[in-house]
Amino acid sequence: MPNCFTLRRKGATENSKFSAIDDELRAEFGEPSDAEHYLYGWYDSIGLALALGHGWEKQREIFRESPNLLKVITYLEEHYTSDAWYIPRSMM
């Protein structure tokens, strides 16, 4: 059963594209563009944690030894809201 998540800029009505969020993060942290990889692997780590229902504080515990991911968590928490859900096997 897949776990899914979205991020929506606070005050917006539409979900944000992950690639656009990544571009925004790179601009914020002064990192170069990369069309093939997410900055600091945030989508695979923070994204997975969000999909599993972990809030920002739990993620700070999980990633406490990764200063770069902690920066991303803080930025996302300040600018985005997340939504997570799973698709039951019976609906696949």
N, C-alpha and C. Protein backbone atom coordinates (compact mmCIF):
# COMPACT_ATOMS: atom_id res chain seq x y z
N MET A 1 0.84 -1.16 0.00
CA MET A 1 0.00 0.00 0.00
C MET A 1 0.89 1.23 0.00
N PRO A 2 0.78 2.07 -1.02
CA PRO A 2 1.62 3.26 -1.14
C PRO A 2 1.22 4.35 -0.16
N ASN A 3 2.22 4.97 0.42
CA ASN A 3 2.01 6.16 1.24
C ASN A 3 2.37 7.36 0.37
N CYS A 4 1.56 8.40 0.43
CA CYS A 4 1.73 9.56 -0.43
C CYS A 4 1.74 10.84 0.40
N PHE A 5 2.29 11.91 -0.19
CA PHE A 5 2.26 13.20 0.48
C PHE A 5 2.24 14.32 -0.55
N THR A 6 1.76 15.46 -0.12
CA THR A 6 1.82 16.68 -0.92
C THR A 6 2.34 17.80 -0.03
N LEU A 7 2.83 18.84 -0.67
CA LEU A 7 3.20 20.07 0.02
C LEU A 7 2.48 21.22 -0.69
N ARG A 8 1.92 22.11 0.10
CA ARG A 8 1.21 23.27 -0.43
C ARG A 8 1.75 24.51 0.26
N ARG A 9 2.14 25.50 -0.57
CA ARG A 9 2.61 26.77 0.01
C ARG A 9 1.52 27.34 0.88
N LYS A 10 1.88 27.82 2.05
CA LYS A 10 0.89 28.40 2.96
C LYS A 10 0.17 29.55 2.26
N GLY A 11 -1.14 29.54 2.33
CA GLY A 11 -1.97 30.55 1.69
C GLY A 11 -2.38 30.20 0.27
N ALA A 12 -1.78 29.17 -0.32
CA ALA A 12 -2.12 28.76 -1.69
C ALA A 12 -3.25 27.74 -1.66
N THR A 13 -3.90 27.55 -2.80
CA THR A 13 -4.97 26.57 -2.89
C THR A 13 -4.54 25.32 -3.65
N GLU A 14 -3.47 25.42 -4.41
CA GLU A 14 -2.98 24.29 -5.21
C GLU A 14 -1.74 23.68 -4.56
N ASN A 15 -1.57 22.38 -4.72
CA ASN A 15 -0.35 21.73 -4.26
C ASN A 15 0.82 22.21 -5.09
N SER A 16 1.99 22.25 -4.47
CA SER A 16 3.20 22.69 -5.15
C SER A 16 3.89 21.52 -5.83
N LYS A 17 4.58 21.80 -6.91
CA LYS A 17 5.38 20.78 -7.59
C LYS A 17 6.68 20.61 -6.82
N PHE A 18 7.06 19.36 -6.61
CA PHE A 18 8.28 19.09 -5.85
C PHE A 18 9.51 19.69 -6.53
N SER A 19 9.55 19.68 -7.84
CA SER A 19 10.70 20.26 -8.55
C SER A 19 10.77 21.77 -8.32
N ALA A 20 9.62 22.43 -8.24
CA ALA A 20 9.61 23.87 -7.97
C ALA A 20 10.06 24.15 -6.54
N ILE A 21 9.65 23.31 -5.61
CA ILE A 21 10.10 23.45 -4.22
C ILE A 21 11.61 23.27 -4.16
N ASP A 22 12.12 22.28 -4.89
CA ASP A 22 13.55 22.03 -4.91
C ASP A 22 14.30 23.25 -5.46
N ASP A 23 13.81 23.83 -6.53
CA ASP A 23 14.43 25.04 -7.09
C ASP A 23 14.44 26.16 -6.05
N GLU A 24 13.34 26.30 -5.34
CA GLU A 24 13.22 27.32 -4.30
C GLU A 24 14.23 27.08 -3.17
N LEU A 25 14.35 25.82 -2.76
CA LEU A 25 15.31 25.48 -1.70
C LEU A 25 16.74 25.79 -2.15
N ARG A 26 17.07 25.46 -3.39
CA ARG A 26 18.41 25.72 -3.91
C ARG A 26 18.70 27.21 -3.94
N ALA A 27 17.72 28.00 -4.33
CA ALA A 27 17.91 29.46 -4.32
C ALA A 27 18.10 29.97 -2.89
N GLU A 28 17.29 29.46 -1.98
CA GLU A 28 17.37 29.88 -0.57
C GLU A 28 18.72 29.57 0.04
N PHE A 29 19.27 28.40 -0.27
CA PHE A 29 20.52 27.96 0.35
C PHE A 29 21.75 28.18 -0.53
N GLY A 30 21.56 28.85 -1.66
CA GLY A 30 22.69 29.17 -2.52
C GLY A 30 23.34 27.97 -3.16
N GLU A 31 22.55 26.98 -3.50
CA GLU A 31 23.06 25.76 -4.12
C GLU A 31 22.75 25.76 -5.61
N PRO A 32 23.61 25.16 -6.43
CA PRO A 32 23.38 25.16 -7.88
C PRO A 32 22.21 24.26 -8.27
N SER A 33 21.64 24.54 -9.43
CA SER A 33 20.55 23.73 -9.97
C SER A 33 21.04 22.32 -10.28
N ASP A 34 20.12 21.37 -10.19
CA ASP A 34 20.42 19.98 -10.55
C ASP A 34 19.11 19.35 -10.99
N ALA A 35 19.01 19.06 -12.28
CA ALA A 35 17.78 18.52 -12.84
C ALA A 35 17.56 17.04 -12.50
N GLU A 36 18.57 16.39 -11.93
CA GLU A 36 18.46 14.95 -11.67
C GLU A 36 18.34 14.57 -10.20
N HIS A 37 18.73 15.45 -9.29
CA HIS A 37 18.75 15.11 -7.87
C HIS A 37 18.10 16.20 -7.03
N TYR A 38 17.39 15.77 -6.01
CA TYR A 38 16.83 16.73 -5.06
C TYR A 38 17.91 17.17 -4.09
N LEU A 39 17.87 18.44 -3.70
CA LEU A 39 18.84 19.02 -2.79
C LEU A 39 18.93 18.22 -1.49
N TYR A 40 20.12 17.78 -1.16
CA TYR A 40 20.39 17.02 0.07
C TYR A 40 19.54 15.74 0.17
N GLY A 41 18.94 15.32 -0.93
CA GLY A 41 18.08 14.14 -0.91
C GLY A 41 16.81 14.34 -0.11
N TRP A 42 16.35 15.59 -0.02
CA TRP A 42 15.21 15.89 0.85
C TRP A 42 13.94 15.12 0.47
N TYR A 43 13.69 14.95 -0.81
CA TYR A 43 12.45 14.27 -1.22
C TYR A 43 12.43 12.82 -0.71
N ASP A 44 13.56 12.14 -0.81
CA ASP A 44 13.61 10.73 -0.40
C ASP A 44 13.62 10.55 1.11
N SER A 45 14.09 11.53 1.84
CA SER A 45 14.17 11.39 3.29
C SER A 45 13.01 12.12 3.98
N ILE A 46 12.95 13.43 3.82
CA ILE A 46 11.87 14.21 4.43
C ILE A 46 10.53 13.81 3.80
N GLY A 47 10.53 13.62 2.49
CA GLY A 47 9.29 13.23 1.80
C GLY A 47 8.75 11.91 2.32
N LEU A 48 9.65 10.94 2.49
CA LEU A 48 9.22 9.65 3.03
C LEU A 48 8.67 9.82 4.44
N ALA A 49 9.36 10.60 5.26
CA ALA A 49 8.88 10.82 6.63
C ALA A 49 7.50 11.48 6.63
N LEU A 50 7.29 12.45 5.74
CA LEU A 50 5.97 13.07 5.64
C LEU A 50 4.92 12.06 5.21
N ALA A 51 5.26 11.26 4.21
CA ALA A 51 4.31 10.25 3.72
C ALA A 51 3.94 9.25 4.81
N LEU A 52 4.86 9.01 5.72
CA LEU A 52 4.59 8.08 6.83
C LEU A 52 3.87 8.76 7.99
N GLY A 53 3.60 10.05 7.84
CA GLY A 53 2.84 10.77 8.85
C GLY A 53 3.66 11.42 9.94
N HIS A 54 4.97 11.48 9.79
CA HIS A 54 5.83 12.12 10.80
C HIS A 54 5.78 13.64 10.65
N GLY A 55 5.49 14.31 11.75
CA GLY A 55 5.46 15.77 11.76
C GLY A 55 6.86 16.35 11.79
N TRP A 56 6.91 17.68 11.79
CA TRP A 56 8.20 18.37 11.74
C TRP A 56 9.08 18.06 12.96
N GLU A 57 8.49 18.03 14.14
CA GLU A 57 9.30 17.77 15.34
C GLU A 57 9.87 16.35 15.33
N LYS A 58 9.08 15.39 14.92
CA LYS A 58 9.57 14.00 14.82
C LYS A 58 10.71 13.94 13.80
N GLN A 59 10.57 14.66 12.72
CA GLN A 59 11.63 14.66 11.72
C GLN A 59 12.91 15.29 12.26
N ARG A 60 12.77 16.30 13.08
CA ARG A 60 13.97 16.90 13.70
C ARG A 60 14.70 15.85 14.55
N GLU A 61 13.95 14.98 15.20
CA GLU A 61 14.56 13.89 15.96
C GLU A 61 15.24 12.89 15.02
N ILE A 62 14.51 12.50 13.98
CA ILE A 62 15.02 11.50 13.04
C ILE A 62 16.30 11.97 12.36
N PHE A 63 16.30 13.23 11.94
CA PHE A 63 17.42 13.76 11.15
C PHE A 63 18.33 14.69 11.96
N ARG A 64 18.37 14.51 13.26
CA ARG A 64 19.12 15.41 14.14
C ARG A 64 20.61 15.49 13.80
N GLU A 65 21.14 14.49 13.15
CA GLU A 65 22.56 14.50 12.81
C GLU A 65 22.84 14.98 11.39
N SER A 66 21.84 15.53 10.74
CA SER A 66 22.00 16.05 9.38
C SER A 66 21.63 17.54 9.34
N PRO A 67 22.61 18.41 9.52
CA PRO A 67 22.32 19.84 9.54
C PRO A 67 21.63 20.34 8.26
N ASN A 68 21.98 19.76 7.12
CA ASN A 68 21.35 20.19 5.87
C ASN A 68 19.87 19.84 5.84
N LEU A 69 19.52 18.64 6.26
CA LEU A 69 18.11 18.27 6.29
C LEU A 69 17.35 19.07 7.35
N LEU A 70 17.99 19.40 8.44
CA LEU A 70 17.34 20.23 9.45
C LEU A 70 17.01 21.62 8.89
N LYS A 71 17.90 22.16 8.06
CA LYS A 71 17.63 23.45 7.40
C LYS A 71 16.41 23.33 6.49
N VAL A 72 16.34 22.25 5.74
CA VAL A 72 15.21 22.04 4.82
C VAL A 72 13.91 21.89 5.62
N ILE A 73 13.94 21.12 6.69
CA ILE A 73 12.75 20.93 7.53
C ILE A 73 12.24 22.28 8.04
N THR A 74 13.14 23.10 8.54
CA THR A 74 12.76 24.41 9.06
C THR A 74 12.14 25.27 7.96
N TYR A 75 12.76 25.26 6.79
CA TYR A 75 12.24 26.05 5.67
C TYR A 75 10.85 25.55 5.26
N LEU A 76 10.71 24.26 5.08
CA LEU A 76 9.42 23.70 4.67
C LEU A 76 8.34 23.99 5.71
N GLU A 77 8.67 23.83 6.96
CA GLU A 77 7.68 24.09 8.01
C GLU A 77 7.21 25.54 7.98
N GLU A 78 8.13 26.47 7.71
CA GLU A 78 7.78 27.89 7.69
C GLU A 78 6.93 28.26 6.47
N HIS A 79 7.12 27.57 5.35
CA HIS A 79 6.50 28.00 4.10
C HIS A 79 5.44 27.06 3.52
N TYR A 80 5.34 25.84 4.03
CA TYR A 80 4.45 24.85 3.43
C TYR A 80 3.65 24.10 4.48
N THR A 81 2.50 23.59 4.04
CA THR A 81 1.75 22.63 4.83
C THR A 81 1.79 21.30 4.08
N SER A 82 1.77 20.23 4.82
CA SER A 82 1.84 18.91 4.19
C SER A 82 0.54 18.15 4.43
N ASP A 83 0.31 17.22 3.54
CA ASP A 83 -0.83 16.31 3.67
C ASP A 83 -0.32 14.92 3.31
N ALA A 84 -0.70 13.94 4.08
CA ALA A 84 -0.24 12.56 3.83
C ALA A 84 -1.43 11.62 3.87
N TRP A 85 -1.34 10.56 3.09
CA TRP A 85 -2.38 9.54 3.06
C TRP A 85 -1.80 8.27 2.49
N TYR A 86 -2.53 7.21 2.57
CA TYR A 86 -2.11 5.95 1.95
C TYR A 86 -3.24 5.42 1.10
N ILE A 87 -2.87 4.61 0.14
CA ILE A 87 -3.85 3.99 -0.75
C ILE A 87 -3.95 2.51 -0.34
N PRO A 88 -5.09 2.10 0.19
CA PRO A 88 -5.26 0.70 0.61
C PRO A 88 -5.08 -0.24 -0.58
N ARG A 89 -4.52 -1.37 -0.30
CA ARG A 89 -4.26 -2.38 -1.34
C ARG A 89 -5.55 -2.70 -2.12
N SER A 90 -6.68 -2.70 -1.46
CA SER A 90 -7.94 -3.05 -2.11
C SER A 90 -8.33 -2.02 -3.17
N MET A 91 -7.75 -0.82 -3.15
CA MET A 91 -8.08 0.21 -4.13
C MET A 91 -7.07 0.26 -5.28
N MET A 92 -6.06 -0.58 -5.24
CA MET A 92 -5.04 -0.54 -6.28
C MET A 92 -5.43 -1.40 -7.45
